[in-house]
Protein backbone atom coordinates (compact mmCIF):
# COMPACT_ATOMS: atom_id res chain seq x y z
CA MET A 1 -44.02 0.74 -31.32
CA PRO A 2 -43.12 -1.37 -34.23
CA PHE A 3 -42.01 -5.07 -34.40
CA ASP A 4 -38.40 -5.04 -34.01
CA GLU A 5 -36.40 -8.36 -35.15
CA SER A 6 -33.52 -6.90 -33.47
CA ALA A 7 -34.76 -7.10 -29.94
CA LEU A 8 -36.65 -10.42 -30.41
CA PHE A 9 -33.07 -11.93 -31.76
CA VAL A 10 -31.46 -10.76 -28.65
CA PHE A 11 -34.03 -11.77 -26.39
CA LEU A 12 -34.13 -15.36 -27.86
CA LEU A 13 -30.30 -15.71 -27.95
CA ALA A 14 -30.06 -14.45 -24.04
CA ALA A 15 -32.78 -17.23 -23.12
CA PHE A 16 -30.90 -19.80 -25.26
CA LEU A 17 -27.55 -18.99 -23.63
CA GLY A 18 -28.76 -18.25 -20.10
CA LEU A 19 -30.42 -21.86 -20.14
CA GLU A 20 -27.09 -23.51 -21.63
CA LEU A 21 -24.85 -21.87 -18.94
CA ILE A 22 -27.24 -22.59 -16.11
CA ARG A 23 -27.71 -26.23 -16.95
CA ARG A 24 -24.17 -27.04 -17.03
CA VAL A 25 -23.26 -25.58 -13.79
CA SER A 26 -22.26 -27.66 -11.24
CA PRO A 27 -24.51 -28.79 -8.13
CA LEU A 28 -21.66 -27.43 -6.09
CA LEU A 29 -22.27 -23.92 -7.46
CA HIS A 30 -26.17 -23.64 -6.99
CA THR A 31 -26.12 -21.61 -3.90
CA PRO A 32 -24.04 -19.06 -5.01
CA LEU A 33 -25.82 -19.10 -8.54
CA MET A 34 -29.05 -18.56 -6.64
CA SER A 35 -27.53 -15.46 -4.68
CA LEU A 36 -26.50 -14.08 -7.95
CA THR A 37 -29.73 -14.30 -9.31
CA ASN A 38 -31.29 -12.46 -6.53
CA ALA A 39 -29.03 -9.83 -6.95
CA ILE A 40 -30.30 -9.31 -10.77
CA ALA A 41 -33.94 -9.67 -9.43
CA ALA A 42 -33.33 -6.78 -7.32
CA ILE A 43 -31.87 -4.51 -10.27
CA ALA A 44 -35.20 -5.57 -12.07
CA VAL A 45 -37.05 -4.35 -8.90
CA VAL A 46 -35.14 -1.04 -9.55
CA GLY A 47 -35.83 -0.91 -13.17
CA ALA A 48 -39.75 -1.59 -12.64
CA ILE A 49 -39.66 1.44 -10.24
CA LEU A 50 -38.25 3.73 -12.59
CA VAL A 51 -40.58 2.55 -15.53
CA THR A 52 -43.48 3.19 -13.02
CA GLY A 53 -42.51 6.48 -11.73
CA GLU A 54 -42.07 8.08 -15.15
CA GLU A 55 -43.99 11.09 -15.55
CA SER A 56 -44.82 10.82 -19.10
CA ALA A 57 -46.01 6.81 -18.92
CA SER A 58 -49.46 6.05 -20.16
CA ARG A 59 -51.88 4.20 -17.92
CA LEU A 60 -51.08 0.98 -19.01
CA SER A 61 -47.28 1.58 -18.58
CA ARG A 62 -48.07 2.39 -14.93
CA VAL A 63 -50.04 -0.76 -14.47
CA LEU A 64 -47.45 -3.05 -15.83
CA GLY A 65 -44.70 -1.42 -14.12
CA PHE A 66 -46.73 -2.05 -10.84
CA ILE A 67 -47.11 -5.73 -11.68
CA ALA A 68 -43.34 -5.79 -12.57
CA VAL A 69 -42.67 -4.41 -9.37
CA THR A 70 -44.50 -6.85 -7.32
CA ALA A 71 -43.40 -9.71 -9.24
CA ALA A 72 -39.67 -8.69 -8.97
CA THR A 73 -40.17 -8.24 -5.21
CA ILE A 74 -41.63 -11.43 -4.68
CA ASN A 75 -39.12 -13.00 -6.77
CA ALA A 76 -36.03 -11.40 -4.79
CA VAL A 77 -37.60 -11.74 -1.57
CA SER A 78 -38.32 -15.49 -1.96
CA GLY A 79 -35.03 -16.06 -3.60
CA PHE A 80 -33.09 -14.51 -0.31
CA LEU A 81 -35.48 -16.92 1.94
CA ILE A 82 -34.88 -20.08 -0.19
CA THR A 83 -30.93 -19.33 -0.11
CA ASP A 84 -31.07 -18.69 3.52
CA ARG A 85 -32.90 -21.77 4.05
CA MET A 86 -30.18 -23.72 1.95
CA LEU A 87 -27.34 -22.35 3.84
CA LYS A 88 -29.00 -23.30 7.26
CA MET A 89 -28.94 -26.87 6.14
CA PHE A 90 -24.97 -26.62 5.85
CA ARG A 91 -24.57 -25.22 9.39
CA ARG A 92 -23.23 -27.62 12.10
CA ARG A 93 -25.58 -28.24 14.93
CA GLU A 94 -24.15 -27.52 18.29
CA GLY A 95 -24.40 -30.55 20.64
CA PRO A 96 -23.86 -30.82 24.28
CA PRO A 97 -20.70 -29.06 25.66
CA LYS A 98 -17.72 -31.85 26.04
CA SER A 99 -16.53 -32.29 29.60
């Protein structure tokens, strides 16, 4: 596959814009942002599964696809666990019943 300058440009532009946008998010919106990131990670899992399961894929593509499935799954699951843990910090603790 030949080197494609436009793909490199799109990657660098997406990385720069992503960093700039996330850096400017207020702390109040970090939890919803993490949940959205988990949804995007789940989409990456589906994409990695499609690449891995392709019949005409080479052995290298299958190995890299398996690594991508594993990494994206770990990312999605750990993101949901961290979000759940953060939300538990904001729940009210139930004290003894008032009489």
